[in-house]
């Protein structure tokens, strides 16, 4: 079992988009940049995966097969930013700085989005296949109750989960990705968000 390191970072020139996306104010820009620069040395992004036949992954989960892009193989993937991110955020919250704790949480979400691009590239390099749309645990078609079964496929101890099936470290995700012979135009992040009135929304 080997985790594969991921090189993730954010474009500081796009901080204005970040502020709009997460509904901060322009006056928050300095604190957001400072937090980003402070947390980056603590980021240890990595992922681990296994490739399984679709039938063994899908099991009897309702409506899963319809969302699996008709692939014969699925990659079960766990990705994380590492424990140090959690510890840094916990220090902020312990000091009562909830606003900065939220800023850091949003930075973590952006870094995970950057990680997905890296994961797609590395899966293609290793398997020769293209990753389709991710199906995360907690999706309507992949309930959180499936976490133990999927984690069992992975056979690793770097990322665990609690009684509520939440990942530990917190900035970790568990998902299934169909492996395809041809590159697929994937859904963008807005399709995963319920805020349909957001001025950053892009339905393309």
C-alpha atoms as a PDB file:
ATOM      1  CA  UNK A   1       0.000   0.000   0.000  1.00  0.00           C
ATOM      2  CA  UNK A   2       1.587   3.252  -1.143  1.00  0.00           C
ATOM      3  CA  UNK A   3       0.194   6.742  -1.073  1.00  0.00           C
ATOM      4  CA  UNK A   4       1.110   8.896  -4.065  1.00  0.00           C
ATOM      5  CA  UNK A   5       2.164  12.491  -3.285  1.00  0.00           C
ATOM      6  CA  UNK A   6       0.290  15.345  -4.931  1.00  0.00           C
ATOM      7  CA  UNK A   7       1.682  18.764  -5.785  1.00  0.00           C
ATOM      8  CA  UNK A   8      -1.092  21.243  -5.024  1.00  0.00           C
ATOM      9  CA  UNK A   9      -1.147  25.015  -4.750  1.00  0.00           C
ATOM     10  CA  UNK A  10      -3.380  27.976  -5.486  1.00  0.00           C
ATOM     11  CA  UNK A  11      -2.843  30.811  -7.926  1.00  0.00           C
ATOM     12  CA  UNK A  12      -2.553  33.860  -5.697  1.00  0.00           C
ATOM     13  CA  UNK A  13      -3.469  35.979  -8.701  1.00  0.00           C
ATOM     14  CA  UNK A  14      -6.956  34.456  -8.603  1.00  0.00           C
ATOM     15  CA  UNK A  15      -7.637  35.518  -5.026  1.00  0.00           C
ATOM     16  CA  UNK A  16     -10.417  37.870  -6.162  1.00  0.00           C
ATOM     17  CA  UNK A  17     -12.314  34.891  -7.594  1.00  0.00           C
ATOM     18  CA  UNK A  18     -11.722  33.036  -4.336  1.00  0.00           C
ATOM     19  CA  UNK A  19     -13.217  35.951  -2.368  1.00  0.00           C
ATOM     20  CA  UNK A  20     -16.312  35.961  -4.587  1.00  0.00           C
ATOM     21  CA  UNK A  21     -16.717  32.186  -4.625  1.00  0.00           C
ATOM     22  CA  UNK A  22     -16.774  31.919  -0.843  1.00  0.00           C
ATOM     23  CA  UNK A  23     -18.548  35.228  -0.275  1.00  0.00           C
ATOM     24  CA  UNK A  24     -15.776  37.010   1.596  1.00  0.00           C
ATOM     25  CA  UNK A  25     -15.158  40.747   1.417  1.00  0.00           C
ATOM     26  CA  UNK A  26     -12.247  42.520  -0.242  1.00  0.00           C
ATOM     27  CA  UNK A  27     -10.957  43.538   3.196  1.00  0.00           C
ATOM     28  CA  UNK A  28     -10.381  39.829   3.938  1.00  0.00           C
ATOM     29  CA  UNK A  29      -7.821  39.500   1.135  1.00  0.00           C
ATOM     30  CA  UNK A  30      -4.771  40.138   3.319  1.00  0.00           C
ATOM     31  CA  UNK A  31      -5.783  37.563   5.934  1.00  0.00           C
ATOM     32  CA  UNK A  32      -6.643  34.954   3.278  1.00  0.00           C
ATOM     33  CA  UNK A  33      -3.255  35.318   1.589  1.00  0.00           C
ATOM     34  CA  UNK A  34      -1.430  35.222   4.920  1.00  0.00           C
ATOM     35  CA  UNK A  35      -3.272  32.086   6.026  1.00  0.00           C
ATOM     36  CA  UNK A  36      -2.583  30.417   2.684  1.00  0.00           C
ATOM     37  CA  UNK A  37       1.143  31.142   2.896  1.00  0.00           C
ATOM     38  CA  UNK A  38       1.283  29.930   6.496  1.00  0.00           C
ATOM     39  CA  UNK A  39      -0.568  26.676   5.894  1.00  0.00           C
ATOM     40  CA  UNK A  40       1.134  25.636   2.645  1.00  0.00           C
ATOM     41  CA  UNK A  41       4.306  24.269   4.316  1.00  0.00           C
ATOM     42  CA  UNK A  42       1.994  22.064   6.414  1.00  0.00           C
ATOM     43  CA  UNK A  43       0.151  20.567   3.421  1.00  0.00           C
ATOM     44  CA  UNK A  44       1.015  16.945   2.701  1.00  0.00           C
ATOM     45  CA  UNK A  45      -1.419  16.112  -0.073  1.00  0.00           C
ATOM     46  CA  UNK A  46      -1.479  12.493  -1.228  1.00  0.00           C
ATOM     47  CA  UNK A  47      -3.824   9.838  -2.496  1.00  0.00           C
ATOM     48  CA  UNK A  48      -4.208   6.084  -2.628  1.00  0.00           C
ATOM     49  CA  UNK A  49      -6.379   4.062  -4.973  1.00  0.00           C
ATOM     50  CA  UNK A  50      -7.366   0.582  -6.047  1.00  0.00           C
ATOM     51  CA  UNK A  51      -8.924  -0.464  -9.353  1.00  0.00           C
ATOM     52  CA  UNK A  52     -11.853  -2.833  -9.086  1.00  0.00           C
ATOM     53  CA  UNK A  53     -14.360  -4.335 -11.462  1.00  0.00           C
ATOM     54  CA  UNK A  54     -17.453  -2.136 -11.552  1.00  0.00           C
ATOM     55  CA  UNK A  55     -19.709  -4.921 -10.365  1.00  0.00           C
ATOM     56  CA  UNK A  56     -17.731  -5.461  -7.174  1.00  0.00           C
ATOM     57  CA  UNK A  57     -17.672  -1.730  -6.400  1.00  0.00           C
ATOM     58  CA  UNK A  58     -21.257  -0.954  -7.310  1.00  0.00           C
ATOM     59  CA  UNK A  59     -22.726  -3.857  -5.405  1.00  0.00           C
ATOM     60  CA  UNK A  60     -26.385  -3.287  -4.765  1.00  0.00           C
ATOM     61  CA  UNK A  61     -26.198   0.485  -4.291  1.00  0.00           C
ATOM     62  CA  UNK A  62     -29.326   2.017  -5.796  1.00  0.00           C
ATOM     63  CA  UNK A  63     -28.913   4.252  -8.860  1.00  0.00           C
ATOM     64  CA  UNK A  64     -25.119   3.991  -8.738  1.00  0.00           C
ATOM     65  CA  UNK A  65     -24.686   2.219 -12.038  1.00  0.00           C
ATOM     66  CA  UNK A  66     -26.565   4.932 -13.921  1.00  0.00           C
ATOM     67  CA  UNK A  67     -23.982   7.488 -12.766  1.00  0.00           C
ATOM     68  CA  UNK A  68     -20.888   5.397 -13.400  1.00  0.00           C
ATOM     69  CA  UNK A  69     -20.354   6.447 -17.037  1.00  0.00           C
ATOM     70  CA  UNK A  70     -20.804   2.832 -18.171  1.00  0.00           C
ATOM     71  CA  UNK A  71     -17.232   1.840 -17.338  1.00  0.00           C
ATOM     72  CA  UNK A  72     -16.089  -1.711 -16.626  1.00  0.00           C
ATOM     73  CA  UNK A  73     -13.577  -0.590 -14.019  1.00  0.00           C
ATOM     74  CA  UNK A  74     -13.774   1.828 -11.120  1.00  0.00           C
ATOM     75  CA  UNK A  75     -11.027   3.501  -9.149  1.00  0.00           C
ATOM     76  CA  UNK A  76     -11.787   3.682  -5.439  1.00  0.00           C
ATOM     77  CA  UNK A  77      -9.805   6.685  -4.212  1.00  0.00           C
ATOM     78  CA  UNK A  78      -8.908   8.232  -0.869  1.00  0.00           C
ATOM     79  CA  UNK A  79      -7.211  11.654  -0.923  1.00  0.00           C
ATOM     80  CA  UNK A  80      -6.082  13.873   1.940  1.00  0.00           C
ATOM     81  CA  UNK A  81      -4.308  17.133   2.720  1.00  0.00           C
ATOM     82  CA  UNK A  82      -2.837  15.546   5.842  1.00  0.00           C
ATOM     83  CA  UNK A  83      -3.152  15.860   9.612  1.00  0.00           C
ATOM     84  CA  UNK A  84      -1.105  19.065   9.947  1.00  0.00           C
ATOM     85  CA  UNK A  85      -3.831  21.047   8.168  1.00  0.00           C
ATOM     86  CA  UNK A  86      -6.336  19.942  10.818  1.00  0.00           C
ATOM     87  CA  UNK A  87      -3.966  20.856  13.632  1.00  0.00           C
ATOM     88  CA  UNK A  88      -3.377  24.342  12.246  1.00  0.00           C
ATOM     89  CA  UNK A  89      -7.105  24.955  11.848  1.00  0.00           C
ATOM     90  CA  UNK A  90      -7.798  23.604  15.339  1.00  0.00           C
ATOM     91  CA  UNK A  91      -5.303  26.099  16.773  1.00  0.00           C
ATOM     92  CA  UNK A  92      -7.254  28.947  15.168  1.00  0.00           C
ATOM     93  CA  UNK A  93     -10.575  27.673  16.497  1.00  0.00           C
ATOM     94  CA  UNK A  94      -9.152  27.085  19.966  1.00  0.00           C
ATOM     95  CA  UNK A  95      -8.139  30.739  20.029  1.00  0.00           C
ATOM     96  CA  UNK A  96     -11.722  31.616  19.121  1.00  0.00           C
ATOM     97  CA  UNK A  97     -10.869  32.909  15.648  1.00  0.00           C
ATOM     98  CA  UNK A  98     -13.827  31.309  13.872  1.00  0.00           C
ATOM     99  CA  UNK A  99     -13.663  33.661  10.880  1.00  0.00           C
ATOM    100  CA  UNK A 100     -10.069  32.728  10.071  1.00  0.00           C
ATOM    101  CA  UNK A 101     -10.902  29.100  10.758  1.00  0.00           C
ATOM    102  CA  UNK A 102     -13.566  29.337   8.059  1.00  0.00           C
ATOM    103  CA  UNK A 103     -11.137  31.055   5.689  1.00  0.00           C
ATOM    104  CA  UNK A 104      -8.731  28.183   6.170  1.00  0.00           C
ATOM    105  CA  UNK A 105     -11.508  25.669   5.580  1.00  0.00           C
ATOM    106  CA  UNK A 106     -12.243  27.312   2.217  1.00  0.00           C
ATOM    107  CA  UNK A 107      -8.545  27.283   1.346  1.00  0.00           C
ATOM    108  CA  UNK A 108      -8.577  23.553   2.075  1.00  0.00           C
ATOM    109  CA  UNK A 109     -11.532  23.043  -0.262  1.00  0.00           C
ATOM    110  CA  UNK A 110      -9.697  24.864  -3.054  1.00  0.00           C
ATOM    111  CA  UNK A 111      -6.585  22.754  -2.487  1.00  0.00           C
ATOM    112  CA  UNK A 112      -8.686  19.598  -2.740  1.00  0.00           C
ATOM    113  CA  UNK A 113     -10.077  20.822  -6.075  1.00  0.00           C
ATOM    114  CA  UNK A 114      -6.475  21.301  -7.227  1.00  0.00           C
ATOM    115  CA  UNK A 115      -5.723  17.773  -6.007  1.00  0.00           C
ATOM    116  CA  UNK A 116      -8.478  16.311  -8.185  1.00  0.00           C
ATOM    117  CA  UNK A 117      -6.748  17.579 -11.323  1.00  0.00           C
ATOM    118  CA  UNK A 118      -3.504  15.988 -10.158  1.00  0.00           C
ATOM    119  CA  UNK A 119      -5.248  12.711  -9.353  1.00  0.00           C
ATOM    120  CA  UNK A 120      -6.775  12.581 -12.837  1.00  0.00           C
ATOM    121  CA  UNK A 121      -3.342  13.095 -14.408  1.00  0.00           C
ATOM    122  CA  UNK A 122      -1.660  10.459 -12.272  1.00  0.00           C
ATOM    123  CA  UNK A 123      -4.432   7.903 -12.798  1.00  0.00           C
ATOM    124  CA  UNK A 124      -4.034   8.386 -16.538  1.00  0.00           C
ATOM    125  CA  UNK A 125      -0.247   8.028 -16.315  1.00  0.00           C
ATOM    126  CA  UNK A 126      -0.542   4.813 -14.295  1.00  0.00           C
ATOM    127  CA  UNK A 127      -3.565   3.102 -15.817  1.00  0.00           C
ATOM    128  CA  UNK A 128      -3.765   4.615 -19.301  1.00  0.00           C
ATOM    129  CA  UNK A 129      -7.437   5.358 -18.573  1.00  0.00           C
ATOM    130  CA  UNK A 130      -9.278   8.630 -18.014  1.00  0.00           C
ATOM    131  CA  UNK A 131     -11.126   9.281 -14.780  1.00  0.00           C
ATOM    132  CA  UNK A 132     -14.802  10.107 -15.255  1.00  0.00           C
ATOM    133  CA  UNK A 133     -16.991  12.122 -12.921  1.00  0.00           C
ATOM    134  CA  UNK A 134     -16.270  11.407  -9.278  1.00  0.00           C
ATOM    135  CA  UNK A 135     -19.005   9.989  -7.080  1.00  0.00           C
ATOM    136  CA  UNK A 136     -18.285  10.995  -3.489  1.00  0.00           C
ATOM    137  CA  UNK A 137     -19.511   9.202  -0.438  1.00  0.00           C
ATOM    138  CA  UNK A 138     -22.548  11.122   0.762  1.00  0.00           C
ATOM    139  CA  UNK A 139     -23.902  11.455  -2.756  1.00  0.00           C
ATOM    140  CA  UNK A 140     -27.519  10.324  -3.099  1.00  0.00           C
ATOM    141  CA  UNK A 141     -26.328   7.308  -5.048  1.00  0.00           C
ATOM    142  CA  UNK A 142     -23.433   6.472  -2.700  1.00  0.00           C
ATOM    143  CA  UNK A 143     -24.602   6.868   0.921  1.00  0.00           C
ATOM    144  CA  UNK A 144     -22.204   7.317   3.814  1.00  0.00           C
ATOM    145  CA  UNK A 145     -23.067   3.819   4.979  1.00  0.00           C
ATOM    146  CA  UNK A 146     -20.874   2.593   2.086  1.00  0.00           C
ATOM    147  CA  UNK A 147     -17.741   4.101   3.669  1.00  0.00           C
ATOM    148  CA  UNK A 148     -16.666   0.935   5.552  1.00  0.00           C
ATOM    149  CA  UNK A 149     -17.020  -1.228   2.453  1.00  0.00           C
ATOM    150  CA  UNK A 150     -15.057   1.148   0.219  1.00  0.00           C
ATOM    151  CA  UNK A 151     -12.383   1.702   2.860  1.00  0.00           C
ATOM    152  CA  UNK A 152     -12.047  -2.054   3.082  1.00  0.00           C
ATOM    153  CA  UNK A 153     -11.013  -2.142  -0.584  1.00  0.00           C
ATOM    154  CA  UNK A 154      -8.240   0.377   0.066  1.00  0.00           C
ATOM    155  CA  UNK A 155      -6.544  -1.407   2.955  1.00  0.00           C
ATOM    156  CA  UNK A 156      -4.789   1.675   4.365  1.00  0.00           C
ATOM    157  CA  UNK A 157      -4.519   3.356   7.768  1.00  0.00           C
ATOM    158  CA  UNK A 158      -3.445   6.900   6.875  1.00  0.00           C
ATOM    159  CA  UNK A 159      -7.059   8.087   6.636  1.00  0.00           C
ATOM    160  CA  UNK A 160      -9.719   6.713   8.976  1.00  0.00           C
ATOM    161  CA  UNK A 161     -13.310   7.606   9.796  1.00  0.00           C
ATOM    162  CA  UNK A 162     -15.445   8.132  12.896  1.00  0.00           C
ATOM    163  CA  UNK A 163     -18.825   6.772  13.963  1.00  0.00           C
ATOM    164  CA  UNK A 164     -20.575   9.239  11.639  1.00  0.00           C
ATOM    165  CA  UNK A 165     -18.375   8.102   8.703  1.00  0.00           C
ATOM    166  CA  UNK A 166     -16.605  11.485   8.600  1.00  0.00           C
ATOM    167  CA  UNK A 167     -13.036  11.288   7.352  1.00  0.00           C
ATOM    168  CA  UNK A 168     -10.037  11.799   9.639  1.00  0.00           C
ATOM    169  CA  UNK A 169      -8.048  13.966   8.807  1.00  0.00           C
ATOM    170  CA  UNK A 170     -10.996  16.254   8.052  1.00  0.00           C
ATOM    171  CA  UNK A 171      -9.696  17.497   4.710  1.00  0.00           C
ATOM    172  CA  UNK A 172      -9.874  14.016   3.216  1.00  0.00           C
ATOM    173  CA  UNK A 173     -12.285  12.631   0.645  1.00  0.00           C
ATOM    174  CA  UNK A 174     -13.386   9.166  -0.412  1.00  0.00           C
ATOM    175  CA  UNK A 175     -14.829   8.675  -3.870  1.00  0.00           C
ATOM    176  CA  UNK A 176     -15.271   6.335  -6.801  1.00  0.00           C
ATOM    177  CA  UNK A 177     -14.255   7.305 -10.346  1.00  0.00           C
ATOM    178  CA  UNK A 178     -15.072   5.319 -13.474  1.00  0.00           C
ATOM    179  CA  UNK A 179     -12.020   4.605 -15.620  1.00  0.00           C
ATOM    180  CA  UNK A 180     -12.741   5.338 -19.273  1.00  0.00           C
ATOM    181  CA  UNK A 181     -10.974   4.747 -22.563  1.00  0.00           C
ATOM    182  CA  UNK A 182     -11.715   8.277 -23.757  1.00  0.00           C
ATOM    183  CA  UNK A 183     -11.451  11.619 -22.004  1.00  0.00           C
ATOM    184  CA  UNK A 184     -14.778  12.895 -20.711  1.00  0.00           C
ATOM    185  CA  UNK A 185     -15.756  16.529 -20.228  1.00  0.00           C
ATOM    186  CA  UNK A 186     -16.341  16.464 -16.498  1.00  0.00           C
ATOM    187  CA  UNK A 187     -18.943  18.317 -14.468  1.00  0.00           C
ATOM    188  CA  UNK A 188     -17.670  21.529 -12.899  1.00  0.00           C
ATOM    189  CA  UNK A 189     -17.752  22.354  -9.206  1.00  0.00           C
ATOM    190  CA  UNK A 190     -20.948  24.380  -9.496  1.00  0.00           C
ATOM    191  CA  UNK A 191     -22.894  21.234 -10.316  1.00  0.00           C
ATOM    192  CA  UNK A 192     -22.033  20.031  -6.798  1.00  0.00           C
ATOM    193  CA  UNK A 193     -23.287  23.181  -5.083  1.00  0.00           C
ATOM    194  CA  UNK A 194     -26.853  23.825  -3.963  1.00  0.00           C
ATOM    195  CA  UNK A 195     -26.539  27.620  -4.080  1.00  0.00           C
ATOM    196  CA  UNK A 196     -28.185  28.175  -7.456  1.00  0.00           C
ATOM    197  CA  UNK A 197     -28.327  31.954  -6.897  1.00  0.00           C
ATOM    198  CA  UNK A 198     -24.569  32.366  -6.448  1.00  0.00           C
ATOM    199  CA  UNK A 199     -23.094  35.067  -8.701  1.00  0.00           C
ATOM    200  CA  UNK A 200     -20.111  32.776  -9.351  1.00  0.00           C
ATOM    201  CA  UNK A 201     -22.284  29.989 -10.688  1.00  0.00           C
ATOM    202  CA  UNK A 202     -21.239  28.548 -14.037  1.00  0.00           C
ATOM    203  CA  UNK A 203     -23.550  25.997 -15.576  1.00  0.00           C
ATOM    204  CA  UNK A 204     -21.309  25.297 -18.565  1.00  0.00           C
END
